[in-house]
Amino acid sequence: RFLRTNTDLHRSGPKTTFSAAAGPNVTAAASDPHQH
């Protein structure tokens, strides 16, 4: 249920991230909603 709901949120919701989610030593989030 979490994966399906979270996938739908990433498909339709705004592309916002926490400040800790970006940086030179942090891998970028997956562009694919299901993988995210």
PDB file of all heavy atoms in Angstrom:
ATOM      1  N   ARG A   1       0.844  -1.206   0.000  1.00  0.00           N
ATOM      2  CA  ARG A   1       0.000   0.000   0.000  1.00  0.00           C
ATOM      3  C   ARG A   1       0.879   1.255   0.000  1.00  0.00           C
ATOM      4  O   ARG A   1       0.581   2.237  -0.696  1.00  0.00           O
ATOM      5  CB  ARG A   1      -0.931  -0.004   1.209  1.00  0.00           C
ATOM      6  CG  ARG A   1      -2.035  -1.047   1.148  1.00  0.00           C
ATOM      7  CD  ARG A   1      -3.119  -0.761   2.188  1.00  0.00           C
ATOM      8  NE  ARG A   1      -2.581  -0.740   3.538  1.00  0.00           N
ATOM      9  CZ  ARG A   1      -2.495  -1.827   4.315  1.00  0.00           C
ATOM     10  NH1 ARG A   1      -2.889  -3.012   3.853  1.00  0.00           N
ATOM     11  NH2 ARG A   1      -2.026  -1.734   5.533  1.00  0.00           N
ATOM     12  N   PHE A   2       1.953   1.207   0.799  1.00  0.00           N
ATOM     13  CA  PHE A   2       2.856   2.365   0.872  1.00  0.00           C
ATOM     14  C   PHE A   2       3.478   2.641  -0.496  1.00  0.00           C
ATOM     15  O   PHE A   2       3.533   3.795  -0.945  1.00  0.00           O
ATOM     16  CB  PHE A   2       3.946   2.101   1.909  1.00  0.00           C
ATOM     17  CG  PHE A   2       5.011   3.164   1.960  1.00  0.00           C
ATOM     18  CD1 PHE A   2       4.846   4.294   2.733  1.00  0.00           C
ATOM     19  CD2 PHE A   2       6.173   3.039   1.202  1.00  0.00           C
ATOM     20  CE1 PHE A   2       5.824   5.283   2.775  1.00  0.00           C
ATOM     21  CE2 PHE A   2       7.157   4.018   1.236  1.00  0.00           C
ATOM     22  CZ  PHE A   2       6.982   5.140   2.020  1.00  0.00           C
ATOM     23  N   LEU A   3       3.934   1.586  -1.190  1.00  0.00           N
ATOM     24  CA  LEU A   3       4.591   1.786  -2.485  1.00  0.00           C
ATOM     25  C   LEU A   3       3.621   2.355  -3.517  1.00  0.00           C
ATOM     26  O   LEU A   3       3.965   3.274  -4.282  1.00  0.00           O
ATOM     27  CB  LEU A   3       5.177   0.460  -2.972  1.00  0.00           C
ATOM     28  CG  LEU A   3       6.404  -0.050  -2.218  1.00  0.00           C
ATOM     29  CD1 LEU A   3       6.835  -1.419  -2.734  1.00  0.00           C
ATOM     30  CD2 LEU A   3       7.577   0.940  -2.347  1.00  0.00           C
ATOM     31  N   ARG A   4       2.404   1.822  -3.547  1.00  0.00           N
ATOM     32  CA  ARG A   4       1.436   2.327  -4.525  1.00  0.00           C
ATOM     33  C   ARG A   4       1.056   3.772  -4.222  1.00  0.00           C
ATOM     34  O   ARG A   4       1.014   4.631  -5.120  1.00  0.00           O
ATOM     35  CB  ARG A   4       0.202   1.437  -4.524  1.00  0.00           C
ATOM     36  CG  ARG A   4       0.455   0.027  -5.081  1.00  0.00           C
ATOM     37  CD  ARG A   4      -0.863  -0.689  -5.340  1.00  0.00           C
ATOM     38  NE  ARG A   4      -0.621  -2.019  -5.896  1.00  0.00           N
ATOM     39  CZ  ARG A   4      -0.547  -3.134  -5.182  1.00  0.00           C
ATOM     40  NH1 ARG A   4      -0.717  -3.071  -3.846  1.00  0.00           N
ATOM     41  NH2 ARG A   4      -0.332  -4.297  -5.756  1.00  0.00           N
ATOM     42  N   THR A   5       0.778   4.066  -2.934  1.00  0.00           N
ATOM     43  CA  THR A   5       0.383   5.433  -2.567  1.00  0.00           C
ATOM     44  C   THR A   5       1.521   6.410  -2.817  1.00  0.00           C
ATOM     45  O   THR A   5       1.314   7.511  -3.357  1.00  0.00           O
ATOM     46  CB  THR A   5      -0.029   5.482  -1.085  1.00  0.00           C
ATOM     47  OG1 THR A   5      -1.083   4.550  -0.851  1.00  0.00           O
ATOM     48  CG2 THR A   5      -0.479   6.873  -0.688  1.00  0.00           C
ATOM     49  N   ASN A   6       2.732   6.016  -2.439  1.00  0.00           N
ATOM     50  CA  ASN A   6       3.877   6.895  -2.607  1.00  0.00           C
ATOM     51  C   ASN A   6       4.190   7.120  -4.084  1.00  0.00           C
ATOM     52  O   ASN A   6       4.593   8.220  -4.486  1.00  0.00           O
ATOM     53  CB  ASN A   6       5.087   6.297  -1.894  1.00  0.00           C
ATOM     54  CG  ASN A   6       6.040   7.342  -1.379  1.00  0.00           C
ATOM     55  OD1 ASN A   6       7.096   7.563  -1.948  1.00  0.00           O
ATOM     56  ND2 ASN A   6       5.676   8.001  -0.273  1.00  0.00           N
ATOM     57  N   THR A   7       4.017   6.087  -4.889  1.00  0.00           N
ATOM     58  CA  THR A   7       4.236   6.241  -6.333  1.00  0.00           C
ATOM     59  C   THR A   7       3.263   7.246  -6.920  1.00  0.00           C
ATOM     60  O   THR A   7       3.646   8.112  -7.725  1.00  0.00           O
ATOM     61  CB  THR A   7       4.082   4.879  -7.036  1.00  0.00           C
ATOM     62  OG1 THR A   7       5.038   3.961  -6.512  1.00  0.00           O
ATOM     63  CG2 THR A   7       4.293   5.032  -8.540  1.00  0.00           C
ATOM     64  N   ASP A   8       1.990   7.157  -6.536  1.00  0.00           N
ATOM     65  CA  ASP A   8       0.986   8.107  -7.032  1.00  0.00           C
ATOM     66  C   ASP A   8       1.314   9.525  -6.599  1.00  0.00           C
ATOM     67  O   ASP A   8       1.114  10.485  -7.363  1.00  0.00           O
ATOM     68  CB  ASP A   8      -0.402   7.702  -6.531  1.00  0.00           C
ATOM     69  CG  ASP A   8      -0.871   6.380  -7.129  1.00  0.00           C
ATOM     70  OD1 ASP A   8      -0.330   5.990  -8.197  1.00  0.00           O
ATOM     71  OD2 ASP A   8      -1.744   5.725  -6.525  1.00  0.00           O
ATOM     72  N   LEU A   9       1.809   9.687  -5.370  1.00  0.00           N
ATOM     73  CA  LEU A   9       2.155  11.027  -4.888  1.00  0.00           C
ATOM     74  C   LEU A   9       3.283  11.630  -5.713  1.00  0.00           C
ATOM     75  O   LEU A   9       3.258  12.822  -6.047  1.00  0.00           O
ATOM     76  CB  LEU A   9       2.559  10.961  -3.415  1.00  0.00           C
ATOM     77  CG  LEU A   9       1.436  10.704  -2.406  1.00  0.00           C
ATOM     78  CD1 LEU A   9       2.008  10.527  -0.998  1.00  0.00           C
ATOM     79  CD2 LEU A   9       0.437  11.862  -2.418  1.00  0.00           C
ATOM     80  N   HIS A  10       4.267  10.804  -6.054  1.00  0.00           N
ATOM     81  CA  HIS A  10       5.397  11.323  -6.842  1.00  0.00           C
ATOM     82  C   HIS A  10       4.992  11.611  -8.286  1.00  0.00           C
ATOM     83  O   HIS A  10       5.604  12.455  -8.943  1.00  0.00           O
ATOM     84  CB  HIS A  10       6.552  10.324  -6.809  1.00  0.00           C
ATOM     85  CG  HIS A  10       7.259  10.261  -5.487  1.00  0.00           C
ATOM     86  ND1 HIS A  10       7.819  11.357  -4.876  1.00  0.00           N
ATOM     87  CD2 HIS A  10       7.475   9.219  -4.637  1.00  0.00           C
ATOM     88  CE1 HIS A  10       8.370  11.006  -3.721  1.00  0.00           C
ATOM     89  NE2 HIS A  10       8.167   9.717  -3.549  1.00  0.00           N
ATOM     90  N   ARG A  11       3.991  10.905  -8.768  1.00  0.00           N
ATOM     91  CA  ARG A  11       3.537  11.168 -10.131  1.00  0.00           C
ATOM     92  C   ARG A  11       2.746  12.464 -10.240  1.00  0.00           C
ATOM     93  O   ARG A  11       2.837  13.187 -11.229  1.00  0.00           O
ATOM     94  CB  ARG A  11       2.669  10.009 -10.623  1.00  0.00           C
ATOM     95  CG  ARG A  11       3.464   8.776 -11.007  1.00  0.00           C
ATOM     96  CD  ARG A  11       2.537   7.624 -11.320  1.00  0.00           C
ATOM     97  NE  ARG A  11       3.291   6.440 -11.745  1.00  0.00           N
ATOM     98  CZ  ARG A  11       2.802   5.209 -11.788  1.00  0.00           C
ATOM     99  NH1 ARG A  11       1.519   5.009 -11.431  1.00  0.00           N
ATOM    100  NH2 ARG A  11       3.547   4.211 -12.179  1.00  0.00           N
ATOM    101  N   SER A  12       1.986  12.760  -9.200  1.00  0.00           N
ATOM    102  CA  SER A  12       1.078  13.910  -9.276  1.00  0.00           C
ATOM    103  C   SER A  12       1.496  15.090  -8.421  1.00  0.00           C
ATOM    104  O   SER A  12       1.099  16.221  -8.690  1.00  0.00           O
ATOM    105  CB  SER A  12      -0.325  13.474  -8.856  1.00  0.00           C
ATOM    106  OG  SER A  12      -0.305  12.947  -7.527  1.00  0.00           O
ATOM    107  N   GLY A  13       2.289  14.838  -7.375  1.00  0.00           N
ATOM    108  CA  GLY A  13       2.621  15.900  -6.437  1.00  0.00           C
ATOM    109  C   GLY A  13       3.765  16.768  -6.901  1.00  0.00           C
ATOM    110  O   GLY A  13       4.435  16.485  -7.907  1.00  0.00           O
ATOM    111  N   PRO A  14       4.045  17.892  -6.202  1.00  0.00           N
ATOM    112  CA  PRO A  14       5.176  18.776  -6.549  1.00  0.00           C
ATOM    113  C   PRO A  14       6.507  18.103  -6.256  1.00  0.00           C
ATOM    114  O   PRO A  14       6.625  17.278  -5.350  1.00  0.00           O
ATOM    115  CB  PRO A  14       4.955  19.992  -5.641  1.00  0.00           C
ATOM    116  CG  PRO A  14       4.163  19.453  -4.483  1.00  0.00           C
ATOM    117  CD  PRO A  14       3.280  18.375  -5.050  1.00  0.00           C
ATOM    118  N   LYS A  15       7.513  18.442  -7.023  1.00  0.00           N
ATOM    119  CA  LYS A  15       8.842  17.852  -6.875  1.00  0.00           C
ATOM    120  C   LYS A  15       9.650  18.655  -5.853  1.00  0.00           C
ATOM    121  O   LYS A  15      10.546  19.430  -6.185  1.00  0.00           O
ATOM    122  CB  LYS A  15       9.565  17.836  -8.219  1.00  0.00           C
ATOM    123  CG  LYS A  15       8.790  17.139  -9.328  1.00  0.00           C
ATOM    124  CD  LYS A  15       8.509  15.677  -8.993  1.00  0.00           C
ATOM    125  CE  LYS A  15       7.772  14.972 -10.123  1.00  0.00           C
ATOM    126  NZ  LYS A  15       7.458  13.575  -9.818  1.00  0.00           N
ATOM    127  N   THR A  16       9.326  18.504  -4.591  1.00  0.00           N
ATOM    128  CA  THR A  16      10.053  19.197  -3.517  1.00  0.00           C
ATOM    129  C   THR A  16      10.851  18.173  -2.724  1.00  0.00           C
ATOM    130  O   THR A  16      10.448  17.022  -2.586  1.00  0.00           O
ATOM    131  CB  THR A  16       9.086  19.929  -2.580  1.00  0.00           C
ATOM    132  OG1 THR A  16       8.161  18.986  -2.027  1.00  0.00           O
ATOM    133  CG2 THR A  16       8.325  21.011  -3.341  1.00  0.00           C
ATOM    134  N   THR A  17      11.971  18.608  -2.206  1.00  0.00           N
ATOM    135  CA  THR A  17      12.835  17.729  -1.416  1.00  0.00           C
ATOM    136  C   THR A  17      13.265  18.441  -0.155  1.00  0.00           C
ATOM    137  O   THR A  17      13.237  19.674  -0.067  1.00  0.00           O
ATOM    138  CB  THR A  17      14.086  17.317  -2.212  1.00  0.00           C
ATOM    139  OG1 THR A  17      14.802  18.500  -2.584  1.00  0.00           O
ATOM    140  CG2 THR A  17      13.715  16.536  -3.466  1.00  0.00           C
ATOM    141  N   PHE A  18      13.677  17.665   0.840  1.00  0.00           N
ATOM    142  CA  PHE A  18      14.252  18.219   2.056  1.00  0.00           C
ATOM    143  C   PHE A  18      15.635  18.770   1.742  1.00  0.00           C
ATOM    144  O   PHE A  18      16.289  18.373   0.774  1.00  0.00           O
ATOM    145  CB  PHE A  18      14.338  17.164   3.149  1.00  0.00           C
ATOM    146  CG  PHE A  18      12.994  16.687   3.633  1.00  0.00           C
ATOM    147  CD1 PHE A  18      12.527  15.427   3.292  1.00  0.00           C
ATOM    148  CD2 PHE A  18      12.204  17.509   4.414  1.00  0.00           C
ATOM    149  CE1 PHE A  18      11.285  14.989   3.728  1.00  0.00           C
ATOM    150  CE2 PHE A  18      10.964  17.075   4.862  1.00  0.00           C
ATOM    151  CZ  PHE A  18      10.496  15.818   4.511  1.00  0.00           C
ATOM    152  N   SER A  19      16.104  19.671   2.596  1.00  0.00           N
ATOM    153  CA  SER A  19      17.438  20.244   2.382  1.00  0.00           C
ATOM    154  C   SER A  19      18.517  19.187   2.470  1.00  0.00           C
ATOM    155  O   SER A  19      19.560  19.284   1.839  1.00  0.00           O
ATOM    156  CB  SER A  19      17.698  21.353   3.412  1.00  0.00           C
ATOM    157  OG  SER A  19      17.613  20.830   4.737  1.00  0.00           O
ATOM    158  N   ALA A  20      18.279  18.135   3.292  1.00  0.00           N
ATOM    159  CA  ALA A  20      19.274  17.078   3.424  1.00  0.00           C
ATOM    160  C   ALA A  20      19.295  16.146   2.224  1.00  0.00           C
ATOM    161  O   ALA A  20      20.171  15.302   2.101  1.00  0.00           O
ATOM    162  CB  ALA A  20      18.999  16.261   4.687  1.00  0.00           C
ATOM    163  N   ALA A  21      18.290  16.293   1.311  1.00  0.00           N
ATOM    164  CA  ALA A  21      18.185  15.356   0.198  1.00  0.00           C
ATOM    165  C   ALA A  21      19.057  15.725  -0.981  1.00  0.00           C
ATOM    166  O   ALA A  21      19.044  15.044  -1.995  1.00  0.00           O
ATOM    167  CB  ALA A  21      16.730  15.280  -0.253  1.00  0.00           C
ATOM    168  N   ALA A  22      19.802  16.816  -0.891  1.00  0.00           N
ATOM    169  CA  ALA A  22      20.664  17.239  -1.990  1.00  0.00           C
ATOM    170  C   ALA A  22      22.025  17.623  -1.455  1.00  0.00           C
ATOM    171  O   ALA A  22      22.177  17.993  -0.299  1.00  0.00           O
ATOM    172  CB  ALA A  22      20.033  18.421  -2.721  1.00  0.00           C
ATOM    173  N   GLY A  23      23.003  17.527  -2.316  1.00  0.00           N
ATOM    174  CA  GLY A  23      24.362  17.874  -1.896  1.00  0.00           C
ATOM    175  C   GLY A  23      25.377  17.126  -2.733  1.00  0.00           C
ATOM    176  O   GLY A  23      25.044  16.192  -3.476  1.00  0.00           O
ATOM    177  N   PRO A  24      26.647  17.516  -2.647  1.00  0.00           N
ATOM    178  CA  PRO A  24      27.674  16.887  -3.470  1.00  0.00           C
ATOM    179  C   PRO A  24      27.911  15.422  -3.140  1.00  0.00           C
ATOM    180  O   PRO A  24      28.394  14.677  -3.978  1.00  0.00           O
ATOM    181  CB  PRO A  24      28.917  17.738  -3.169  1.00  0.00           C
ATOM    182  CG  PRO A  24      28.657  18.339  -1.822  1.00  0.00           C
ATOM    183  CD  PRO A  24      27.178  18.578  -1.777  1.00  0.00           C
ATOM    184  N   ASN A  25      27.589  14.996  -1.908  1.00  0.00           N
ATOM    185  CA  ASN A  25      27.852  13.618  -1.506  1.00  0.00           C
ATOM    186  C   ASN A  25      26.582  12.793  -1.374  1.00  0.00           C
ATOM    187  O   ASN A  25      26.598  11.709  -0.789  1.00  0.00           O
ATOM    188  CB  ASN A  25      28.605  13.606  -0.171  1.00  0.00           C
ATOM    189  CG  ASN A  25      29.957  14.278  -0.265  1.00  0.00           C
ATOM    190  OD1 ASN A  25      30.830  13.859  -1.003  1.00  0.00           O
ATOM    191  ND2 ASN A  25      30.120  15.363   0.501  1.00  0.00           N
ATOM    192  N   VAL A  26      25.468  13.294  -1.871  1.00  0.00           N
ATOM    193  CA  VAL A  26      24.190  12.606  -1.777  1.00  0.00           C
ATOM    194  C   VAL A  26      23.727  12.215  -3.169  1.00  0.00           C
ATOM    195  O   VAL A  26      23.709  13.034  -4.083  1.00  0.00           O
ATOM    196  CB  VAL A  26      23.127  13.490  -1.091  1.00  0.00           C
ATOM    197  CG1 VAL A  26      21.781  12.784  -1.049  1.00  0.00           C
ATOM    198  CG2 VAL A  26      23.578  13.854   0.310  1.00  0.00           C
ATOM    199  N   THR A  27      23.375  10.940  -3.331  1.00  0.00           N
ATOM    200  CA  THR A  27      22.858  10.460  -4.604  1.00  0.00           C
ATOM    201  C   THR A  27      21.490  11.090  -4.869  1.00  0.00           C
ATOM    202  O   THR A  27      20.626  11.143  -3.985  1.00  0.00           O
ATOM    203  CB  THR A  27      22.724   8.932  -4.574  1.00  0.00           C
ATOM    204  OG1 THR A  27      23.995   8.359  -4.273  1.00  0.00           O
ATOM    205  CG2 THR A  27      22.231   8.400  -5.909  1.00  0.00           C
ATOM    206  N   ALA A  28      21.293  11.569  -6.077  1.00  0.00           N
ATOM    207  CA  ALA A  28      20.027  12.211  -6.416  1.00  0.00           C
ATOM    208  C   ALA A  28      18.890  11.194  -6.385  1.00  0.00           C
ATOM    209  O   ALA A  28      19.076  10.002  -6.654  1.00  0.00           O
ATOM    210  CB  ALA A  28      20.124  12.843  -7.803  1.00  0.00           C
ATOM    211  N   ALA A  29      17.697  11.668  -6.035  1.00  0.00           N
ATOM    212  CA  ALA A  29      16.527  10.802  -6.001  1.00  0.00           C
ATOM    213  C   ALA A  29      16.204  10.310  -7.403  1.00  0.00           C
ATOM    214  O   ALA A  29      16.462  10.983  -8.411  1.00  0.00           O
ATOM    215  CB  ALA A  29      15.337  11.550  -5.418  1.00  0.00           C
ATOM    216  N   ALA A  30      15.637   9.109  -7.485  1.00  0.00           N
ATOM    217  CA  ALA A  30      15.294   8.531  -8.779  1.00  0.00           C
ATOM    218  C   ALA A  30      14.202   9.361  -9.461  1.00  0.00           C
ATOM    219  O   ALA A  30      13.277   9.851  -8.811  1.00  0.00           O
ATOM    220  CB  ALA A  30      14.834   7.097  -8.598  1.00  0.00           C
ATOM    221  N   SER A  31      14.323   9.506 -10.762  1.00  0.00           N
ATOM    222  CA  SER A  31      13.303  10.245 -11.515  1.00  0.00           C
ATOM    223  C   SER A  31      12.046   9.415 -11.723  1.00  0.00           C
ATOM    224  O   SER A  31      10.952   9.957 -11.888  1.00  0.00           O
ATOM    225  CB  SER A  31      13.872  10.692 -12.864  1.00  0.00           C
ATOM    226  OG  SER A  31      14.336   9.561 -13.604  1.00  0.00           O
ATOM    227  N   ASP A  32      12.200   8.094 -11.702  1.00  0.00           N
ATOM    228  CA  ASP A  32      11.049   7.209 -11.858  1.00  0.00           C
ATOM    229  C   ASP A  32      10.242   7.193 -10.557  1.00  0.00           C
ATOM    230  O   ASP A  32      10.782   6.904  -9.491  1.00  0.00           O
ATOM    231  CB  ASP A  32      11.520   5.799 -12.189  1.00  0.00           C
ATOM    232  CG  ASP A  32      10.366   4.834 -12.363  1.00  0.00           C
ATOM    233  OD1 ASP A  32       9.727   4.860 -13.430  1.00  0.00           O
ATOM    234  OD2 ASP A  32      10.096   4.077 -11.401  1.00  0.00           O
ATOM    235  N   PRO A  33       8.956   7.522 -10.589  1.00  0.00           N
ATOM    236  CA  PRO A  33       8.156   7.573  -9.357  1.00  0.00           C
ATOM    237  C   PRO A  33       8.143   6.260  -8.587  1.00  0.00           C
ATOM    238  O   PRO A  33       8.161   6.257  -7.348  1.00  0.00           O
ATOM    239  CB  PRO A  33       6.755   7.946  -9.869  1.00  0.00           C
ATOM    240  CG  PRO A  33       6.986   8.608 -11.185  1.00  0.00           C
ATOM    241  CD  PRO A  33       8.173   7.916 -11.786  1.00  0.00           C
ATOM    242  N   HIS A  34       8.085   5.125  -9.321  1.00  0.00           N
ATOM    243  CA  HIS A  34       8.036   3.838  -8.633  1.00  0.00           C
ATOM    244  C   HIS A  34       9.347   3.574  -7.887  1.00  0.00           C
ATOM    245  O   HIS A  34       9.339   3.111  -6.739  1.00  0.00           O
ATOM    246  CB  HIS A  34       7.758   2.720  -9.647  1.00  0.00           C
ATOM    247  CG  HIS A  34       7.619   1.367  -9.016  1.00  0.00           C
ATOM    248  ND1 HIS A  34       6.731   1.115  -7.991  1.00  0.00           N
ATOM    249  CD2 HIS A  34       8.255   0.193  -9.257  1.00  0.00           C
ATOM    250  CE1 HIS A  34       6.823  -0.157  -7.631  1.00  0.00           C
ATOM    251  NE2 HIS A  34       7.749  -0.741  -8.385  1.00  0.00           N
ATOM    252  N   GLN A  35      10.484   3.882  -8.527  1.00  0.00           N
ATOM    253  CA  GLN A  35      11.776   3.680  -7.866  1.00  0.00           C
ATOM    254  C   GLN A  35      11.947   4.655  -6.711  1.00  0.00           C
ATOM    255  O   GLN A  35      12.531   4.313  -5.671  1.00  0.00           O
ATOM    256  CB  GLN A  35      12.917   3.854  -8.874  1.00  0.00           C
ATOM    257  CG  GLN A  35      14.306   3.677  -8.307  1.00  0.00           C
ATOM    258  CD  GLN A  35      14.553   2.274  -7.772  1.00  0.00           C
ATOM    259  OE1 GLN A  35      13.809   1.338  -8.080  1.00  0.00           O
ATOM    260  NE2 GLN A  35      15.582   2.121  -6.955  1.00  0.00           N
ATOM    261  N   HIS A  36      11.439   5.875  -6.873  1.00  0.00           N
ATOM    262  CA  HIS A  36      11.512   6.859  -5.782  1.00  0.00           C
ATOM    263  C   HIS A  36      10.736   6.349  -4.569  1.00  0.00           C
ATOM    264  O   HIS A  36      11.166   6.523  -3.424  1.00  0.00           O
ATOM    265  CB  HIS A  36      10.943   8.194  -6.257  1.00  0.00           C
ATOM    266  CG  HIS A  36      11.346   9.347  -5.393  1.00  0.00           C
ATOM    267  ND1 HIS A  36      11.162  10.665  -5.738  1.00  0.00           N
ATOM    268  CD2 HIS A  36      11.929   9.378  -4.159  1.00  0.00           C
ATOM    269  CE1 HIS A  36      11.609  11.454  -4.781  1.00  0.00           C
ATOM    270  NE2 HIS A  36      12.068  10.702  -3.798  1.00  0.00           N
TER     271      HIS A  36
END
